[in-house]
Amino acid sequence: MKFVRARRVHGNCRAPGSAKLAFAMALALGLGGCIGYDGTVVHGYQLNSKTAEQVKIGSSAEQILVLLGSPTTTSTVGGAAWYYVSQVTDRSLGFMPPRVTDQRVFAVYFTKEKKVERVANYGMEDGKVVDFVSRTTPTAGAESTFLKGMFLNLMHF
């Protein structure tokens, strides 16, 4: 009897220590992904300052296409402007939402003969932050709720 009682007391002392160790290891593994996270991400076109200096007034659209590549977007009316958009976001921890730290729009404006008329380099101070992915879809019409839909269906029954 003494042997069984001593064995049970000794066994109970080890269980909480191993549970604490397992919990500490699980916590360390979970937080290990957050430590050393470099949350700075560049989205879009990465403009080199030397390349931007090579864009000259009077250059053809083909020369700009070879120099800068395909634009991020063009103007919708007439295609008289090409826009190269970049955005830098930063998040301090992996699970935090990203914060826009820099946004640049390099615009090349063309004449009707497709020659460079002027060049502009817009930053965050020149406008508002562009939301590349808003994850919302605008819909026409009124908002419909679950209860309103139920009552309308009951009235049709």
Protein backbone atom coordinates (compact mmCIF):
# COMPACT_ATOMS: atom_id res chain seq x y z
CA MET A 1 0.00 0.00 0.00
CA LYS A 2 2.82 2.39 0.84
CA PHE A 3 4.45 1.62 -2.48
CA VAL A 4 1.25 2.42 -4.45
CA ARG A 5 0.65 5.63 -2.47
CA ALA A 6 4.24 6.78 -2.93
CA ARG A 7 4.14 6.00 -6.63
CA ARG A 8 0.91 8.00 -7.10
CA VAL A 9 2.25 11.05 -5.25
CA HIS A 10 5.48 10.92 -7.21
CA GLY A 11 3.55 10.56 -10.52
CA ASN A 12 1.32 13.58 -9.79
CA CYS A 13 4.36 15.81 -9.23
CA ARG A 14 5.73 15.15 -12.71
CA ALA A 15 2.50 15.77 -14.65
CA PRO A 16 2.11 19.52 -13.93
CA GLY A 17 5.77 20.15 -14.79
CA SER A 18 5.48 18.41 -18.16
CA ALA A 19 2.21 20.25 -18.89
CA LYS A 20 3.93 23.57 -18.15
CA LEU A 21 6.81 22.61 -20.39
CA ALA A 22 4.46 21.61 -23.22
CA PHE A 23 2.53 24.88 -22.83
CA ALA A 24 5.75 26.92 -22.88
CA MET A 25 6.96 25.12 -26.01
CA ALA A 26 3.61 25.65 -27.78
CA LEU A 27 3.68 29.33 -26.85
CA ALA A 28 7.27 29.68 -28.09
CA LEU A 29 6.39 28.00 -31.39
CA GLY A 30 3.35 30.20 -31.84
CA LEU A 31 5.23 33.42 -31.17
CA GLY A 32 8.28 32.30 -33.13
CA GLY A 33 6.61 33.27 -36.39
CA CYS A 34 6.15 36.86 -35.21
CA ILE A 35 9.71 37.51 -34.11
CA GLY A 36 12.00 38.92 -36.76
CA TYR A 37 9.16 39.63 -39.18
CA ASP A 38 10.09 42.29 -41.72
CA GLY A 39 6.72 43.67 -42.67
CA THR A 40 7.83 46.14 -45.35
CA VAL A 41 6.38 45.13 -48.71
CA VAL A 42 6.63 47.02 -52.02
CA HIS A 43 3.60 46.62 -54.31
CA GLY A 44 3.45 47.64 -57.94
CA TYR A 45 6.06 49.29 -60.14
CA GLN A 46 9.50 49.87 -58.60
CA LEU A 47 10.81 53.05 -60.20
CA ASN A 48 14.55 53.57 -60.39
CA SER A 49 15.57 57.25 -60.11
CA LYS A 50 18.15 56.85 -62.91
CA THR A 51 15.49 55.40 -65.19
CA ALA A 52 13.10 58.24 -64.35
CA GLU A 53 15.77 60.77 -65.34
CA GLN A 54 16.06 59.13 -68.78
CA VAL A 55 12.44 60.00 -69.62
CA LYS A 56 12.82 63.12 -71.77
CA ILE A 57 10.24 65.49 -73.21
CA GLY A 58 9.67 64.60 -76.87
CA SER A 59 10.48 60.89 -76.49
CA SER A 60 8.16 58.50 -78.30
CA ALA A 61 5.74 56.14 -76.57
CA GLU A 62 7.75 53.17 -77.87
CA GLN A 63 10.90 54.53 -76.21
CA ILE A 64 9.05 54.93 -72.90
CA LEU A 65 7.66 51.42 -73.23
CA VAL A 66 11.18 50.03 -73.73
CA LEU A 67 12.60 52.16 -70.90
CA LEU A 68 9.89 51.75 -68.23
CA GLY A 69 7.94 48.71 -69.41
CA SER A 70 4.18 48.32 -69.42
CA PRO A 71 2.35 50.94 -67.38
CA THR A 72 0.29 49.95 -64.36
CA THR A 73 -2.69 51.73 -65.90
CA THR A 74 -3.46 54.24 -68.63
CA SER A 75 -5.90 57.12 -68.80
CA THR A 76 -9.34 55.97 -69.80
CA VAL A 77 -10.03 58.76 -72.29
CA GLY A 78 -7.70 58.70 -75.25
CA GLY A 79 -4.83 56.90 -73.51
CA ALA A 80 -2.87 60.17 -73.36
CA ALA A 81 -1.25 59.31 -70.01
CA TRP A 82 0.53 56.29 -68.61
CA TYR A 83 0.68 55.73 -64.86
CA TYR A 84 3.26 53.64 -63.00
CA VAL A 85 1.93 53.06 -59.48
CA SER A 86 3.86 51.78 -56.46
CA GLN A 87 2.94 51.45 -52.81
CA VAL A 88 4.99 50.54 -49.75
CA THR A 89 3.15 48.97 -46.80
CA ASP A 90 4.51 48.12 -43.39
CA ARG A 91 3.20 46.00 -40.57
CA SER A 92 5.01 45.75 -37.27
CA LEU A 93 3.83 42.20 -36.54
CA GLY A 94 2.59 39.47 -38.84
CA PHE A 95 -0.96 39.57 -37.53
CA MET A 96 -1.33 43.38 -37.54
CA PRO A 97 -3.08 45.15 -40.44
CA PRO A 98 -0.72 46.75 -42.98
CA ARG A 99 -0.17 50.53 -42.93
CA VAL A 100 0.69 52.49 -46.10
CA THR A 101 4.01 54.29 -45.56
CA ASP A 102 4.69 55.52 -49.11
CA GLN A 103 2.80 55.71 -52.36
CA ARG A 104 4.12 56.97 -55.68
CA VAL A 105 2.48 57.53 -59.05
CA PHE A 106 4.90 58.26 -61.89
CA ALA A 107 2.83 59.75 -64.70
CA VAL A 108 3.94 60.20 -68.31
CA TYR A 109 1.66 62.47 -70.39
CA PHE A 110 1.65 62.23 -74.18
CA THR A 111 0.61 64.51 -77.03
CA LYS A 112 -1.71 63.33 -79.81
CA GLU A 113 1.38 62.29 -81.79
CA LYS A 114 2.38 59.95 -78.89
CA LYS A 115 5.37 62.08 -77.85
CA VAL A 116 6.10 62.81 -74.17
CA GLU A 117 4.54 66.16 -73.26
CA ARG A 118 5.35 66.19 -69.53
CA VAL A 119 6.30 63.92 -66.66
CA ALA A 120 5.03 64.02 -63.07
CA ASN A 121 6.01 62.12 -59.93
CA TYR A 122 3.16 62.21 -57.41
CA GLY A 123 3.50 61.12 -53.78
CA MET A 124 1.23 60.67 -50.78
CA GLU A 125 1.32 64.41 -50.12
CA ASP A 126 -0.23 65.05 -53.54
CA GLY A 127 -3.41 63.04 -53.06
CA LYS A 128 -5.16 60.31 -51.17
CA VAL A 129 -4.05 56.73 -50.58
CA VAL A 130 -5.19 54.37 -53.33
CA ASP A 131 -6.78 51.18 -52.05
CA PHE A 132 -5.50 48.53 -54.46
CA VAL A 133 -7.66 45.76 -53.00
CA SER A 134 -10.68 47.06 -51.14
CA ARG A 135 -12.33 43.64 -50.73
CA THR A 136 -15.76 45.28 -51.09
CA THR A 137 -18.15 45.10 -53.98
CA PRO A 138 -20.48 48.04 -54.44
CA THR A 139 -24.04 47.00 -55.13
CA ALA A 140 -27.02 48.93 -56.43
CA GLY A 141 -30.22 49.01 -54.43
CA ALA A 142 -31.12 49.01 -50.78
CA GLU A 143 -29.52 46.98 -48.04
CA SER A 144 -31.48 43.83 -47.28
CA THR A 145 -31.37 42.13 -43.89
CA PHE A 146 -32.04 38.54 -42.92
CA LEU A 147 -35.22 39.36 -40.96
CA LYS A 148 -36.59 41.55 -43.76
CA GLY A 149 -36.08 38.69 -46.21
CA MET A 150 -37.87 36.26 -43.87
CA PHE A 151 -40.87 38.55 -43.44
CA LEU A 152 -41.12 39.18 -47.18
CA ASN A 153 -41.05 35.44 -47.84
CA LEU A 154 -43.75 34.83 -45.21
CA MET A 155 -45.98 37.42 -46.86
CA HIS A 156 -45.66 35.59 -50.20
CA PHE A 157 -46.66 32.30 -48.59
